[in-house]
N, C-alpha and C. Protein backbone atom coordinates (compact mmCIF):
# COMPACT_ATOMS: atom_id res chain seq x y z
N MET A 1 0.85 -1.18 0.00
CA MET A 1 0.00 0.00 0.00
C MET A 1 0.89 1.24 0.00
N PRO A 2 0.72 2.11 -0.99
CA PRO A 2 1.55 3.31 -1.05
C PRO A 2 1.27 4.26 0.10
N VAL A 3 2.29 4.94 0.53
CA VAL A 3 2.19 5.95 1.58
C VAL A 3 2.44 7.29 0.91
N GLU A 4 1.51 8.24 1.11
CA GLU A 4 1.66 9.55 0.48
C GLU A 4 2.15 10.56 1.50
N VAL A 5 3.17 11.30 1.11
CA VAL A 5 3.75 12.33 1.96
C VAL A 5 3.54 13.66 1.25
N ARG A 6 2.89 14.60 1.92
CA ARG A 6 2.66 15.92 1.34
C ARG A 6 3.52 16.94 2.07
N LYS A 7 4.08 17.86 1.29
CA LYS A 7 4.93 18.89 1.87
C LYS A 7 4.56 20.21 1.22
N GLU A 8 4.35 21.21 2.06
CA GLU A 8 4.03 22.54 1.55
C GLU A 8 5.23 23.44 1.79
N VAL A 9 5.68 24.09 0.72
CA VAL A 9 6.86 24.94 0.79
C VAL A 9 6.46 26.36 0.42
N THR A 10 6.81 27.32 1.25
CA THR A 10 6.55 28.73 0.98
C THR A 10 7.88 29.44 0.85
N THR A 11 8.05 30.14 -0.26
CA THR A 11 9.28 30.89 -0.46
C THR A 11 8.94 32.36 -0.60
N THR A 12 9.77 33.18 -0.05
CA THR A 12 9.59 34.63 -0.12
C THR A 12 10.86 35.24 -0.67
N SER A 13 10.71 36.11 -1.65
CA SER A 13 11.89 36.77 -2.19
C SER A 13 11.54 38.21 -2.52
N GLU A 14 12.54 39.03 -2.49
CA GLU A 14 12.36 40.44 -2.83
C GLU A 14 12.88 40.67 -4.24
N GLY A 15 12.10 41.35 -5.04
CA GLY A 15 12.50 41.63 -6.40
C GLY A 15 12.65 43.11 -6.63
N PRO A 16 13.24 43.51 -7.77
CA PRO A 16 13.45 44.93 -8.04
C PRO A 16 12.14 45.68 -8.31
N VAL A 17 11.10 44.96 -8.79
CA VAL A 17 9.85 45.63 -9.15
C VAL A 17 8.94 45.78 -7.95
N SER A 18 8.81 44.74 -7.17
CA SER A 18 7.94 44.80 -6.00
C SER A 18 8.76 44.60 -4.74
N ASP A 19 8.14 44.94 -3.63
CA ASP A 19 8.85 44.80 -2.37
C ASP A 19 9.03 43.33 -1.97
N GLN A 20 7.98 42.54 -2.15
CA GLN A 20 8.06 41.17 -1.69
C GLN A 20 7.16 40.29 -2.55
N VAL A 21 7.67 39.11 -2.92
CA VAL A 21 6.91 38.14 -3.70
C VAL A 21 6.88 36.85 -2.89
N SER A 22 5.69 36.28 -2.75
CA SER A 22 5.54 35.05 -1.98
C SER A 22 4.94 33.98 -2.87
N GLN A 23 5.51 32.78 -2.82
CA GLN A 23 5.00 31.65 -3.60
C GLN A 23 4.82 30.47 -2.67
N THR A 24 3.73 29.75 -2.88
CA THR A 24 3.48 28.53 -2.12
C THR A 24 3.27 27.39 -3.09
N ALA A 25 3.95 26.29 -2.85
CA ALA A 25 3.81 25.11 -3.71
C ALA A 25 3.64 23.89 -2.83
N THR A 26 2.75 23.02 -3.24
CA THR A 26 2.54 21.76 -2.52
C THR A 26 3.03 20.63 -3.40
N THR A 27 3.87 19.78 -2.84
CA THR A 27 4.37 18.64 -3.58
C THR A 27 3.92 17.37 -2.89
N SER A 28 3.69 16.34 -3.65
CA SER A 28 3.31 15.05 -3.11
C SER A 28 4.32 14.01 -3.56
N GLN A 29 4.64 13.13 -2.66
CA GLN A 29 5.53 12.03 -2.98
C GLN A 29 4.88 10.75 -2.50
N VAL A 30 4.80 9.78 -3.36
CA VAL A 30 4.19 8.51 -3.00
C VAL A 30 5.31 7.51 -2.76
N SER A 31 5.32 6.93 -1.57
CA SER A 31 6.32 5.93 -1.23
C SER A 31 5.65 4.57 -1.16
N THR A 32 6.31 3.57 -1.68
CA THR A 32 5.78 2.22 -1.63
C THR A 32 6.25 1.54 -0.35
N ASN A 33 5.66 0.40 -0.05
CA ASN A 33 6.10 -0.35 1.13
C ASN A 33 7.56 -0.75 1.02
N THR A 34 8.02 -1.02 -0.20
CA THR A 34 9.41 -1.39 -0.40
C THR A 34 10.33 -0.25 0.03
N GLU A 35 9.97 0.98 -0.35
CA GLU A 35 10.80 2.12 0.04
C GLU A 35 10.78 2.35 1.54
N VAL A 36 9.65 2.13 2.16
CA VAL A 36 9.55 2.29 3.62
C VAL A 36 10.38 1.22 4.31
N GLN A 37 10.31 -0.03 3.83
CA GLN A 37 11.12 -1.10 4.43
C GLN A 37 12.60 -0.85 4.21
N ASP A 38 12.96 -0.32 3.02
CA ASP A 38 14.36 0.02 2.78
C ASP A 38 14.85 1.06 3.78
N ALA A 39 14.00 2.03 4.08
CA ALA A 39 14.37 3.08 5.04
C ALA A 39 14.59 2.48 6.43
N HIS A 40 13.75 1.54 6.83
CA HIS A 40 13.91 0.89 8.14
C HIS A 40 15.20 0.07 8.17
N SER A 41 15.48 -0.63 7.09
CA SER A 41 16.70 -1.42 7.00
C SER A 41 17.93 -0.52 7.07
N ASP A 42 17.89 0.60 6.34
CA ASP A 42 19.01 1.54 6.36
C ASP A 42 19.24 2.10 7.76
N ARG A 43 18.16 2.37 8.47
CA ARG A 43 18.29 2.91 9.83
C ARG A 43 18.90 1.87 10.78
N GLY A 44 18.48 0.61 10.63
CA GLY A 44 19.06 -0.47 11.44
C GLY A 44 20.54 -0.64 11.16
N ASN A 45 20.90 -0.58 9.88
CA ASN A 45 22.31 -0.70 9.51
C ASN A 45 23.12 0.48 10.04
N ALA A 46 22.53 1.66 10.03
CA ALA A 46 23.24 2.83 10.56
C ALA A 46 23.54 2.65 12.04
N TRP A 47 22.60 2.12 12.80
CA TRP A 47 22.83 1.89 14.23
C TRP A 47 23.92 0.85 14.45
N ILE A 48 23.91 -0.21 13.65
CA ILE A 48 24.94 -1.25 13.77
C ILE A 48 26.32 -0.63 13.55
N TRP A 49 26.48 0.14 12.46
CA TRP A 49 27.78 0.72 12.15
C TRP A 49 28.17 1.81 13.15
N TYR A 50 27.19 2.48 13.72
CA TYR A 50 27.47 3.48 14.74
C TYR A 50 28.08 2.80 15.98
N LEU A 51 27.50 1.70 16.41
CA LEU A 51 28.01 0.97 17.58
C LEU A 51 29.38 0.37 17.29
N VAL A 52 29.54 -0.24 16.12
CA VAL A 52 30.84 -0.82 15.75
C VAL A 52 31.89 0.29 15.70
N GLY A 53 31.53 1.44 15.17
CA GLY A 53 32.47 2.56 15.10
C GLY A 53 32.92 3.04 16.46
N ILE A 54 31.99 3.13 17.41
CA ILE A 54 32.35 3.57 18.77
C ILE A 54 33.28 2.55 19.43
N ILE A 55 32.94 1.28 19.32
CA ILE A 55 33.78 0.23 19.92
C ILE A 55 35.17 0.25 19.30
N ASP A 56 35.24 0.32 17.97
CA ASP A 56 36.53 0.33 17.30
C ASP A 56 37.34 1.58 17.64
N LEU A 57 36.69 2.73 17.77
CA LEU A 57 37.40 3.95 18.16
C LEU A 57 38.03 3.79 19.54
N LEU A 58 37.27 3.23 20.48
CA LEU A 58 37.82 3.01 21.82
C LEU A 58 39.00 2.04 21.79
N LEU A 59 38.89 0.99 20.96
CA LEU A 59 39.99 0.02 20.86
C LEU A 59 41.22 0.64 20.20
N VAL A 60 41.03 1.51 19.23
CA VAL A 60 42.16 2.20 18.61
C VAL A 60 42.85 3.11 19.63
N LEU A 61 42.05 3.83 20.42
CA LEU A 61 42.64 4.67 21.48
C LEU A 61 43.42 3.82 22.47
N ASP A 62 42.88 2.66 22.81
CA ASP A 62 43.56 1.73 23.72
C ASP A 62 44.92 1.33 23.15
N ILE A 63 44.95 0.99 21.86
CA ILE A 63 46.21 0.60 21.22
C ILE A 63 47.20 1.75 21.25
N VAL A 64 46.75 2.95 20.91
CA VAL A 64 47.64 4.11 20.87
C VAL A 64 48.18 4.43 22.26
N PHE A 65 47.31 4.40 23.27
CA PHE A 65 47.75 4.69 24.64
C PHE A 65 48.81 3.68 25.08
N LYS A 66 48.59 2.41 24.77
CA LYS A 66 49.56 1.38 25.19
C LYS A 66 50.84 1.47 24.38
N LEU A 67 50.75 1.88 23.11
CA LEU A 67 51.97 2.05 22.30
C LEU A 67 52.87 3.14 22.86
N PHE A 68 52.25 4.18 23.41
CA PHE A 68 53.03 5.28 23.97
C PHE A 68 53.32 5.08 25.46
N GLY A 69 52.93 3.94 26.00
CA GLY A 69 53.24 3.62 27.39
C GLY A 69 52.47 4.42 28.41
N ALA A 70 51.23 4.78 28.12
CA ALA A 70 50.42 5.57 29.05
C ALA A 70 50.18 4.78 30.34
N LYS A 71 50.33 5.45 31.46
CA LYS A 71 50.09 4.82 32.75
C LYS A 71 48.59 4.70 32.99
N SER A 72 48.22 3.76 33.79
CA SER A 72 46.80 3.49 34.05
C SER A 72 46.26 4.42 35.14
N VAL A 73 46.16 5.71 34.80
CA VAL A 73 45.59 6.71 35.69
C VAL A 73 44.62 7.57 34.90
N GLY A 74 43.62 8.11 35.58
CA GLY A 74 42.68 9.03 34.96
C GLY A 74 41.94 8.43 33.78
N PHE A 75 41.97 9.16 32.66
CA PHE A 75 41.24 8.73 31.47
C PHE A 75 41.76 7.41 30.94
N ALA A 76 43.08 7.20 31.00
CA ALA A 76 43.65 5.94 30.50
C ALA A 76 43.10 4.76 31.29
N SER A 77 42.98 4.89 32.59
CA SER A 77 42.41 3.82 33.41
C SER A 77 40.96 3.53 33.03
N PHE A 78 40.20 4.60 32.82
CA PHE A 78 38.81 4.46 32.39
C PHE A 78 38.73 3.76 31.03
N LEU A 79 39.58 4.19 30.10
CA LEU A 79 39.61 3.60 28.77
C LEU A 79 39.99 2.12 28.83
N TYR A 80 41.01 1.78 29.62
CA TYR A 80 41.43 0.39 29.74
C TYR A 80 40.33 -0.49 30.33
N SER A 81 39.58 0.05 31.29
CA SER A 81 38.52 -0.75 31.90
C SER A 81 37.39 -1.04 30.90
N ILE A 82 37.11 -0.09 30.02
CA ILE A 82 36.06 -0.31 29.01
C ILE A 82 36.55 -1.26 27.92
N THR A 83 37.74 -1.01 27.40
CA THR A 83 38.22 -1.80 26.27
C THR A 83 38.62 -3.21 26.68
N ASN A 84 38.94 -3.41 27.94
CA ASN A 84 39.29 -4.76 28.40
C ASN A 84 38.12 -5.72 28.17
N PHE A 85 36.90 -5.24 28.35
CA PHE A 85 35.71 -6.08 28.12
C PHE A 85 35.63 -6.52 26.67
N PHE A 86 35.90 -5.60 25.74
CA PHE A 86 35.77 -5.91 24.31
C PHE A 86 36.94 -6.72 23.77
N ALA A 87 38.13 -6.57 24.35
CA ALA A 87 39.30 -7.29 23.87
C ALA A 87 39.55 -8.60 24.60
N ALA A 88 38.87 -8.82 25.73
CA ALA A 88 39.12 -10.01 26.56
C ALA A 88 39.00 -11.33 25.81
N PRO A 89 38.00 -11.52 24.92
CA PRO A 89 37.91 -12.81 24.23
C PRO A 89 39.11 -13.10 23.32
N PHE A 90 39.90 -12.11 23.02
CA PHE A 90 41.01 -12.29 22.09
C PHE A 90 42.38 -12.27 22.77
N ARG A 91 42.40 -12.15 24.08
CA ARG A 91 43.67 -12.13 24.83
C ARG A 91 44.32 -13.51 24.78
N GLY A 92 45.64 -13.51 24.60
CA GLY A 92 46.40 -14.75 24.62
C GLY A 92 46.52 -15.43 23.27
N ILE A 93 45.82 -14.98 22.26
CA ILE A 93 45.92 -15.61 20.95
C ILE A 93 47.30 -15.34 20.34
N PHE A 94 47.73 -14.07 20.40
CA PHE A 94 49.03 -13.67 19.88
C PHE A 94 49.82 -12.99 20.99
N PRO A 95 51.14 -13.06 20.93
CA PRO A 95 51.94 -12.36 21.94
C PRO A 95 51.90 -10.85 21.72
N ASN A 96 52.13 -10.09 22.80
CA ASN A 96 52.19 -8.63 22.73
C ASN A 96 53.64 -8.19 22.69
N PRO A 97 54.12 -7.65 21.54
CA PRO A 97 55.51 -7.18 21.51
C PRO A 97 55.72 -5.99 22.44
N LYS A 98 56.79 -6.04 23.26
CA LYS A 98 57.05 -4.98 24.24
C LYS A 98 58.40 -4.31 23.96
N ILE A 99 58.41 -2.98 24.16
CA ILE A 99 59.66 -2.21 24.06
C ILE A 99 59.62 -1.15 25.15
N GLU A 100 60.45 -1.27 26.17
CA GLU A 100 60.61 -0.29 27.24
C GLU A 100 59.29 0.21 27.83
N GLY A 101 58.46 -0.66 28.30
CA GLY A 101 57.23 -0.26 28.97
C GLY A 101 56.04 -0.07 28.05
N ALA A 102 56.27 0.12 26.77
CA ALA A 102 55.19 0.27 25.81
C ALA A 102 55.02 -1.06 25.08
N TYR A 103 53.79 -1.35 24.68
CA TYR A 103 53.57 -2.58 23.93
C TYR A 103 52.39 -2.43 22.97
N PHE A 104 52.38 -3.32 22.00
CA PHE A 104 51.31 -3.35 21.01
C PHE A 104 50.30 -4.39 21.47
N ASP A 105 49.07 -3.95 21.71
CA ASP A 105 48.01 -4.83 22.20
C ASP A 105 47.38 -5.57 21.02
N THR A 106 47.89 -6.77 20.75
CA THR A 106 47.39 -7.54 19.60
C THR A 106 45.95 -7.97 19.80
N ALA A 107 45.53 -8.18 21.03
CA ALA A 107 44.14 -8.58 21.29
C ALA A 107 43.18 -7.48 20.85
N ALA A 108 43.51 -6.24 21.13
CA ALA A 108 42.67 -5.12 20.71
C ALA A 108 42.65 -5.00 19.19
N PHE A 109 43.79 -5.24 18.55
CA PHE A 109 43.86 -5.18 17.09
C PHE A 109 42.99 -6.27 16.46
N VAL A 110 43.08 -7.47 16.97
CA VAL A 110 42.25 -8.58 16.47
C VAL A 110 40.77 -8.27 16.73
N ALA A 111 40.47 -7.70 17.89
CA ALA A 111 39.09 -7.36 18.23
C ALA A 111 38.51 -6.36 17.23
N ILE A 112 39.30 -5.37 16.82
CA ILE A 112 38.84 -4.38 15.84
C ILE A 112 38.43 -5.09 14.55
N ILE A 113 39.28 -5.97 14.07
CA ILE A 113 38.98 -6.68 12.82
C ILE A 113 37.74 -7.56 12.98
N VAL A 114 37.65 -8.28 14.08
CA VAL A 114 36.50 -9.17 14.29
C VAL A 114 35.20 -8.38 14.42
N TYR A 115 35.22 -7.26 15.14
CA TYR A 115 33.99 -6.46 15.29
C TYR A 115 33.54 -5.84 13.97
N ILE A 116 34.48 -5.45 13.12
CA ILE A 116 34.11 -4.95 11.80
C ILE A 116 33.45 -6.06 10.99
N LEU A 117 34.03 -7.26 11.02
CA LEU A 117 33.45 -8.39 10.28
C LEU A 117 32.07 -8.76 10.83
N VAL A 118 31.93 -8.78 12.14
CA VAL A 118 30.63 -9.10 12.75
C VAL A 118 29.61 -8.01 12.40
N GLY A 119 30.01 -6.75 12.42
CA GLY A 119 29.11 -5.67 12.05
C GLY A 119 28.65 -5.81 10.61
N TRP A 120 29.57 -6.17 9.71
CA TRP A 120 29.21 -6.36 8.31
C TRP A 120 28.23 -7.51 8.15
N ILE A 121 28.48 -8.62 8.85
CA ILE A 121 27.58 -9.78 8.77
C ILE A 121 26.19 -9.43 9.29
N VAL A 122 26.12 -8.76 10.42
CA VAL A 122 24.82 -8.38 11.00
C VAL A 122 24.09 -7.41 10.08
N ALA A 123 24.80 -6.45 9.49
CA ALA A 123 24.17 -5.51 8.57
C ALA A 123 23.61 -6.23 7.35
N ARG A 124 24.35 -7.19 6.83
CA ARG A 124 23.86 -7.96 5.68
C ARG A 124 22.65 -8.81 6.07
N LEU A 125 22.66 -9.37 7.26
CA LEU A 125 21.51 -10.16 7.73
C LEU A 125 20.27 -9.28 7.87
N ILE A 126 20.45 -8.06 8.36
CA ILE A 126 19.32 -7.13 8.45
C ILE A 126 18.79 -6.84 7.06
N ASP A 127 19.68 -6.63 6.10
CA ASP A 127 19.25 -6.39 4.72
C ASP A 127 18.47 -7.58 4.19
N LEU A 128 18.98 -8.78 4.39
CA LEU A 128 18.30 -9.97 3.88
C LEU A 128 16.95 -10.19 4.55
N ALA A 129 16.86 -9.87 5.82
CA ALA A 129 15.61 -10.11 6.56
C ALA A 129 14.55 -9.05 6.29
N THR A 130 14.96 -7.82 6.01
CA THR A 130 13.98 -6.74 5.92
C THR A 130 13.72 -6.24 4.51
N ARG A 131 14.62 -6.44 3.60
CA ARG A 131 14.40 -5.94 2.24
C ARG A 131 13.64 -6.96 1.42
N PRO A 132 12.58 -6.54 0.76
CA PRO A 132 11.86 -7.46 -0.11
C PRO A 132 12.68 -7.78 -1.36
N ALA A 133 12.33 -8.86 -2.03
CA ALA A 133 13.07 -9.29 -3.22
C ALA A 133 13.01 -8.26 -4.34
N SER A 134 11.99 -7.41 -4.34
CA SER A 134 11.83 -6.43 -5.40
C SER A 134 12.61 -5.15 -5.15
N SER A 135 13.35 -5.08 -4.04
CA SER A 135 14.12 -3.89 -3.70
C SER A 135 15.23 -3.69 -4.74
N LYS A 136 15.47 -2.42 -5.07
CA LYS A 136 16.47 -2.09 -6.08
C LYS A 136 17.85 -1.88 -5.47
N LYS A 137 17.94 -1.74 -4.16
CA LYS A 137 19.23 -1.48 -3.52
C LYS A 137 20.05 -2.75 -3.49
N ILE A 138 21.33 -2.60 -3.77
CA ILE A 138 22.24 -3.76 -3.78
C ILE A 138 23.01 -3.80 -2.49
């Protein structure tokens, strides 16, 4: 069933001949159920990528802080406590190279890659579940 959206636009402009000219136009746009479902799917995918982006940003900050040897005080302590939850499943898979107190957190690096892949899979599943076969979006 098509959904009709009406929008009324009023524009006002000043011209050299008259002081003010006003125009009003009404436009109608008919959206199909497919377009509405596509919009819902796009919104779901946006939320997935937003969450993956936040997690990955925190993990990148964690890697940078540890590369520069940041001590676990203040913001660094807060950051480490959050990112430890997301990197914990990947701890111990690869060794962490260390140089004078600083080290590369391989678990956080692997976590970034895995969360991007999981985000992509979930976004594709949302597309498959919510987009009808007649959808034009690829």
